[in-house]
Amino acid sequence: MRLTINQIAGFSVRHGFDFRKMRLSIEIIFVAVIGVHQKCFKFLRDGGKRFLRHLILFK
């Protein structure tokens, strides 16, 4: 289930959340997730080949 920003805003207003704080935490999570993904991709690109070669050599 995907929420739009408007749905989150409406929900937060109805339930008395501070939407600015909530949005900030969402942005922090989003940035963290993207950062982790980029690290994983970098590892897969750089270390993945070496790791595969390592597996093949030591089978």
PDB file of N, CA and C in Angstrom:
ATOM      1  N   MET A   1       0.831  -1.194   0.000  1.00  0.00           N
ATOM      2  CA  MET A   1       0.000   0.000   0.000  1.00  0.00           C
ATOM      3  C   MET A   1       0.871   1.252   0.000  1.00  0.00           C
ATOM      4  N   ARG A   2       0.693   2.080  -1.020  1.00  0.00           N
ATOM      5  CA  ARG A   2       1.518   3.287  -1.122  1.00  0.00           C
ATOM      6  C   ARG A   2       0.695   4.509  -0.735  1.00  0.00           C
ATOM      7  N   LEU A   3       1.276   5.369   0.070  1.00  0.00           N
ATOM      8  CA  LEU A   3       0.609   6.595   0.501  1.00  0.00           C
ATOM      9  C   LEU A   3       1.160   7.774  -0.286  1.00  0.00           C
ATOM     10  N   THR A   4       0.263   8.655  -0.712  1.00  0.00           N
ATOM     11  CA  THR A   4       0.722   9.905  -1.303  1.00  0.00           C
ATOM     12  C   THR A   4       1.012  10.887  -0.181  1.00  0.00           C
ATOM     13  N   ILE A   5       1.755  11.934  -0.514  1.00  0.00           N
ATOM     14  CA  ILE A   5       2.073  12.968   0.478  1.00  0.00           C
ATOM     15  C   ILE A   5       0.787  13.573   1.042  1.00  0.00           C
ATOM     16  N   ASN A   6      -0.213  13.801   0.154  1.00  0.00           N
ATOM     17  CA  ASN A   6      -1.483  14.391   0.606  1.00  0.00           C
ATOM     18  C   ASN A   6      -2.196  13.491   1.600  1.00  0.00           C
ATOM     19  N   GLN A   7      -2.191  12.181   1.355  1.00  0.00           N
ATOM     20  CA  GLN A   7      -2.826  11.247   2.284  1.00  0.00           C
ATOM     21  C   GLN A   7      -2.122  11.283   3.635  1.00  0.00           C
ATOM     22  N   ILE A   8      -0.790  11.299   3.596  1.00  0.00           N
ATOM     23  CA  ILE A   8      -0.021  11.367   4.842  1.00  0.00           C
ATOM     24  C   ILE A   8      -0.326  12.681   5.564  1.00  0.00           C
ATOM     25  N   ALA A   9      -0.390  13.788   4.796  1.00  0.00           N
ATOM     26  CA  ALA A   9      -0.670  15.103   5.384  1.00  0.00           C
ATOM     27  C   ALA A   9      -2.058  15.105   6.017  1.00  0.00           C
ATOM     28  N   GLY A  10      -3.066  14.593   5.294  1.00  0.00           N
ATOM     29  CA  GLY A  10      -4.426  14.532   5.813  1.00  0.00           C
ATOM     30  C   GLY A  10      -4.500  13.687   7.070  1.00  0.00           C
ATOM     31  N   PHE A  11      -3.836  12.540   7.039  1.00  0.00           N
ATOM     32  CA  PHE A  11      -3.796  11.638   8.184  1.00  0.00           C
ATOM     33  C   PHE A  11      -3.155  12.338   9.380  1.00  0.00           C
ATOM     34  N   SER A  12      -2.022  13.010   9.129  1.00  0.00           N
ATOM     35  CA  SER A  12      -1.292  13.637  10.227  1.00  0.00           C
ATOM     36  C   SER A  12      -2.095  14.779  10.834  1.00  0.00           C
ATOM     37  N   VAL A  13      -2.835  15.525   9.989  1.00  0.00           N
ATOM     38  CA  VAL A  13      -3.675  16.613  10.512  1.00  0.00           C
ATOM     39  C   VAL A  13      -4.808  16.042  11.355  1.00  0.00           C
ATOM     40  N   ARG A  14      -5.467  14.999  10.851  1.00  0.00           N
ATOM     41  CA  ARG A  14      -6.581  14.389  11.585  1.00  0.00           C
ATOM     42  C   ARG A  14      -6.123  13.814  12.919  1.00  0.00           C
ATOM     43  N   HIS A  15      -4.935  13.242  12.934  1.00  0.00           N
ATOM     44  CA  HIS A  15      -4.471  12.559  14.141  1.00  0.00           C
ATOM     45  C   HIS A  15      -3.549  13.426  14.993  1.00  0.00           C
ATOM     46  N   GLY A  16      -3.414  14.705  14.595  1.00  0.00           N
ATOM     47  CA  GLY A  16      -2.685  15.658  15.423  1.00  0.00           C
ATOM     48  C   GLY A  16      -1.176  15.490  15.396  1.00  0.00           C
ATOM     49  N   PHE A  17      -0.648  14.905  14.319  1.00  0.00           N
ATOM     50  CA  PHE A  17       0.807  14.813  14.199  1.00  0.00           C
ATOM     51  C   PHE A  17       1.363  16.143  13.705  1.00  0.00           C
ATOM     52  N   ASP A  18       2.615  16.395  14.017  1.00  0.00           N
ATOM     53  CA  ASP A  18       3.305  17.526  13.403  1.00  0.00           C
ATOM     54  C   ASP A  18       3.878  17.028  12.078  1.00  0.00           C
ATOM     55  N   PHE A  19       3.225  17.427  10.994  1.00  0.00           N
ATOM     56  CA  PHE A  19       3.574  16.894   9.679  1.00  0.00           C
ATOM     57  C   PHE A  19       5.004  17.247   9.289  1.00  0.00           C
ATOM     58  N   ARG A  20       5.472  18.435   9.722  1.00  0.00           N
ATOM     59  CA  ARG A  20       6.842  18.827   9.366  1.00  0.00           C
ATOM     60  C   ARG A  20       7.850  17.851   9.959  1.00  0.00           C
ATOM     61  N   LYS A  21       7.657  17.483  11.228  1.00  0.00           N
ATOM     62  CA  LYS A  21       8.563  16.518  11.867  1.00  0.00           C
ATOM     63  C   LYS A  21       8.485  15.167  11.175  1.00  0.00           C
ATOM     64  N   MET A  22       7.240  14.758  10.863  1.00  0.00           N
ATOM     65  CA  MET A  22       7.037  13.470  10.217  1.00  0.00           C
ATOM     66  C   MET A  22       7.722  13.445   8.856  1.00  0.00           C
ATOM     67  N   ARG A  23       7.567  14.542   8.113  1.00  0.00           N
ATOM     68  CA  ARG A  23       8.157  14.608   6.785  1.00  0.00           C
ATOM     69  C   ARG A  23       9.676  14.567   6.886  1.00  0.00           C
ATOM     70  N   LEU A  24      10.210  15.250   7.878  1.00  0.00           N
ATOM     71  CA  LEU A  24      11.652  15.245   8.093  1.00  0.00           C
ATOM     72  C   LEU A  24      12.141  13.827   8.354  1.00  0.00           C
ATOM     73  N   SER A  25      11.430  13.088   9.206  1.00  0.00           N
ATOM     74  CA  SER A  25      11.842  11.714   9.510  1.00  0.00           C
ATOM     75  C   SER A  25      11.722  10.834   8.272  1.00  0.00           C
ATOM     76  N   ILE A  26      10.674  11.059   7.457  1.00  0.00           N
ATOM     77  CA  ILE A  26      10.527  10.297   6.212  1.00  0.00           C
ATOM     78  C   ILE A  26      11.703  10.585   5.287  1.00  0.00           C
ATOM     79  N   GLU A  27      12.080  11.877   5.181  1.00  0.00           N
ATOM     80  CA  GLU A  27      13.206  12.255   4.325  1.00  0.00           C
ATOM     81  C   GLU A  27      14.500  11.631   4.830  1.00  0.00           C
ATOM     82  N   ILE A  28      14.695  11.618   6.155  1.00  0.00           N
ATOM     83  CA  ILE A  28      15.902  11.016   6.733  1.00  0.00           C
ATOM     84  C   ILE A  28      15.953   9.526   6.400  1.00  0.00           C
ATOM     85  N   ILE A  29      14.817   8.832   6.572  1.00  0.00           N
ATOM     86  CA  ILE A  29      14.747   7.403   6.252  1.00  0.00           C
ATOM     87  C   ILE A  29      15.040   7.185   4.772  1.00  0.00           C
ATOM     88  N   PHE A  30      14.428   8.027   3.926  1.00  0.00           N
ATOM     89  CA  PHE A  30      14.586   7.929   2.475  1.00  0.00           C
ATOM     90  C   PHE A  30      16.054   8.079   2.085  1.00  0.00           C
ATOM     91  N   VAL A  31      16.704   9.111   2.644  1.00  0.00           N
ATOM     92  CA  VAL A  31      18.121   9.360   2.364  1.00  0.00           C
ATOM     93  C   VAL A  31      18.971   8.189   2.845  1.00  0.00           C
ATOM     94  N   ALA A  32      18.645   7.670   4.036  1.00  0.00           N
ATOM     95  CA  ALA A  32      19.396   6.538   4.580  1.00  0.00           C
ATOM     96  C   ALA A  32      19.263   5.320   3.678  1.00  0.00           C
ATOM     97  N   VAL A  33      18.030   5.046   3.224  1.00  0.00           N
ATOM     98  CA  VAL A  33      17.785   3.889   2.356  1.00  0.00           C
ATOM     99  C   VAL A  33      18.547   4.031   1.048  1.00  0.00           C
ATOM    100  N   ILE A  34      18.503   5.229   0.452  1.00  0.00           N
ATOM    101  CA  ILE A  34      19.224   5.465  -0.801  1.00  0.00           C
ATOM    102  C   ILE A  34      20.721   5.291  -0.582  1.00  0.00           C
ATOM    103  N   GLY A  35      21.228   5.820   0.531  1.00  0.00           N
ATOM    104  CA  GLY A  35      22.646   5.687   0.840  1.00  0.00           C
ATOM    105  C   GLY A  35      23.059   4.231   0.967  1.00  0.00           C
ATOM    106  N   VAL A  36      22.237   3.443   1.662  1.00  0.00           N
ATOM    107  CA  VAL A  36      22.521   2.016   1.829  1.00  0.00           C
ATOM    108  C   VAL A  36      22.509   1.316   0.478  1.00  0.00           C
ATOM    109  N   HIS A  37      21.516   1.644  -0.364  1.00  0.00           N
ATOM    110  CA  HIS A  37      21.443   1.028  -1.682  1.00  0.00           C
ATOM    111  C   HIS A  37      22.667   1.357  -2.523  1.00  0.00           C
ATOM    112  N   GLN A  38      23.113   2.622  -2.465  1.00  0.00           N
ATOM    113  CA  GLN A  38      24.291   3.011  -3.233  1.00  0.00           C
ATOM    114  C   GLN A  38      25.520   2.260  -2.746  1.00  0.00           C
ATOM    115  N   LYS A  39      25.652   2.093  -1.427  1.00  0.00           N
ATOM    116  CA  LYS A  39      26.771   1.324  -0.889  1.00  0.00           C
ATOM    117  C   LYS A  39      26.711  -0.116  -1.373  1.00  0.00           C
ATOM    118  N   CYS A  40      25.499  -0.702  -1.369  1.00  0.00           N
ATOM    119  CA  CYS A  40      25.329  -2.080  -1.833  1.00  0.00           C
ATOM    120  C   CYS A  40      25.704  -2.210  -3.298  1.00  0.00           C
ATOM    121  N   PHE A  41      25.235  -1.266  -4.123  1.00  0.00           N
ATOM    122  CA  PHE A  41      25.554  -1.311  -5.546  1.00  0.00           C
ATOM    123  C   PHE A  41      27.052  -1.181  -5.757  1.00  0.00           C
ATOM    124  N   LYS A  42      27.691  -0.272  -5.005  1.00  0.00           N
ATOM    125  CA  LYS A  42      29.130  -0.081  -5.126  1.00  0.00           C
ATOM    126  C   LYS A  42      29.853  -1.367  -4.733  1.00  0.00           C
ATOM    127  N   PHE A  43      29.390  -1.995  -3.649  1.00  0.00           N
ATOM    128  CA  PHE A  43      29.988  -3.258  -3.218  1.00  0.00           C
ATOM    129  C   PHE A  43      29.816  -4.325  -4.284  1.00  0.00           C
ATOM    130  N   LEU A  44      28.597  -4.416  -4.830  1.00  0.00           N
ATOM    131  CA  LEU A  44      28.328  -5.433  -5.845  1.00  0.00           C
ATOM    132  C   LEU A  44      29.170  -5.198  -7.089  1.00  0.00           C
ATOM    133  N   ARG A  45      29.324  -3.921  -7.454  1.00  0.00           N
ATOM    134  CA  ARG A  45      30.088  -3.601  -8.655  1.00  0.00           C
ATOM    135  C   ARG A  45      31.579  -3.880  -8.435  1.00  0.00           C
ATOM    136  N   ASP A  46      32.114  -3.396  -7.305  1.00  0.00           N
ATOM    137  CA  ASP A  46      33.548  -3.525  -7.054  1.00  0.00           C
ATOM    138  C   ASP A  46      33.883  -4.877  -6.431  1.00  0.00           C
ATOM    139  N   GLY A  47      33.282  -5.133  -5.271  1.00  0.00           N
ATOM    140  CA  GLY A  47      33.619  -6.330  -4.505  1.00  0.00           C
ATOM    141  C   GLY A  47      32.961  -7.584  -5.046  1.00  0.00           C
ATOM    142  N   GLY A  48      31.835  -7.418  -5.728  1.00  0.00           N
ATOM    143  CA  GLY A  48      31.086  -8.572  -6.223  1.00  0.00           C
ATOM    144  C   GLY A  48      31.897  -9.427  -7.177  1.00  0.00           C
ATOM    145  N   LYS A  49      32.595  -8.763  -8.102  1.00  0.00           N
ATOM    146  CA  LYS A  49      33.424  -9.486  -9.069  1.00  0.00           C
ATOM    147  C   LYS A  49      34.543 -10.242  -8.355  1.00  0.00           C
ATOM    148  N   ARG A  50      35.210  -9.526  -7.437  1.00  0.00           N
ATOM    149  CA  ARG A  50      36.288 -10.155  -6.672  1.00  0.00           C
ATOM    150  C   ARG A  50      35.759 -11.326  -5.850  1.00  0.00           C
ATOM    151  N   PHE A  51      34.579 -11.110  -5.248  1.00  0.00           N
ATOM    152  CA  PHE A  51      33.960 -12.141  -4.414  1.00  0.00           C
ATOM    153  C   PHE A  51      33.614 -13.367  -5.246  1.00  0.00           C
ATOM    154  N   LEU A  52      33.057 -13.154  -6.440  1.00  0.00           N
ATOM    155  CA  LEU A  52      32.718 -14.268  -7.330  1.00  0.00           C
ATOM    156  C   LEU A  52      33.973 -15.026  -7.745  1.00  0.00           C
ATOM    157  N   ARG A  53      35.024 -14.279  -8.090  1.00  0.00           N
ATOM    158  CA  ARG A  53      36.290 -14.902  -8.464  1.00  0.00           C
ATOM    159  C   ARG A  53      36.816 -15.740  -7.301  1.00  0.00           C
ATOM    160  N   HIS A  54      36.691 -15.190  -6.093  1.00  0.00           N
ATOM    161  CA  HIS A  54      37.115 -15.877  -4.876  1.00  0.00           C
ATOM    162  C   HIS A  54      36.342 -17.192  -4.718  1.00  0.00           C
ATOM    163  N   LEU A  55      35.022 -17.146  -4.941  1.00  0.00           N
ATOM    164  CA  LEU A  55      34.196 -18.352  -4.830  1.00  0.00           C
ATOM    165  C   LEU A  55      34.601 -19.397  -5.862  1.00  0.00           C
ATOM    166  N   ILE A  56      34.868 -18.933  -7.088  1.00  0.00           N
ATOM    167  CA  ILE A  56      35.239 -19.868  -8.158  1.00  0.00           C
ATOM    168  C   ILE A  56      36.582 -20.519  -7.844  1.00  0.00           C
ATOM    169  N   LEU A  57      37.541 -19.724  -7.353  1.00  0.00           N
ATOM    170  CA  LEU A  57      38.875 -20.247  -7.065  1.00  0.00           C
ATOM    171  C   LEU A  57      38.862 -21.258  -5.921  1.00  0.00           C
ATOM    172  N   PHE A  58      38.009 -21.024  -4.925  1.00  0.00           N
ATOM    173  CA  PHE A  58      38.038 -21.865  -3.724  1.00  0.00           C
ATOM    174  C   PHE A  58      36.834 -22.793  -3.625  1.00  0.00           C
ATOM    175  N   LYS A  59      36.378 -23.263  -4.764  1.00  0.00           N
ATOM    176  CA  LYS A  59      35.226 -24.158  -4.776  1.00  0.00           C
ATOM    177  C   LYS A  59      35.633 -25.533  -4.267  1.00  0.00           C
TER     178      LYS A  59
END
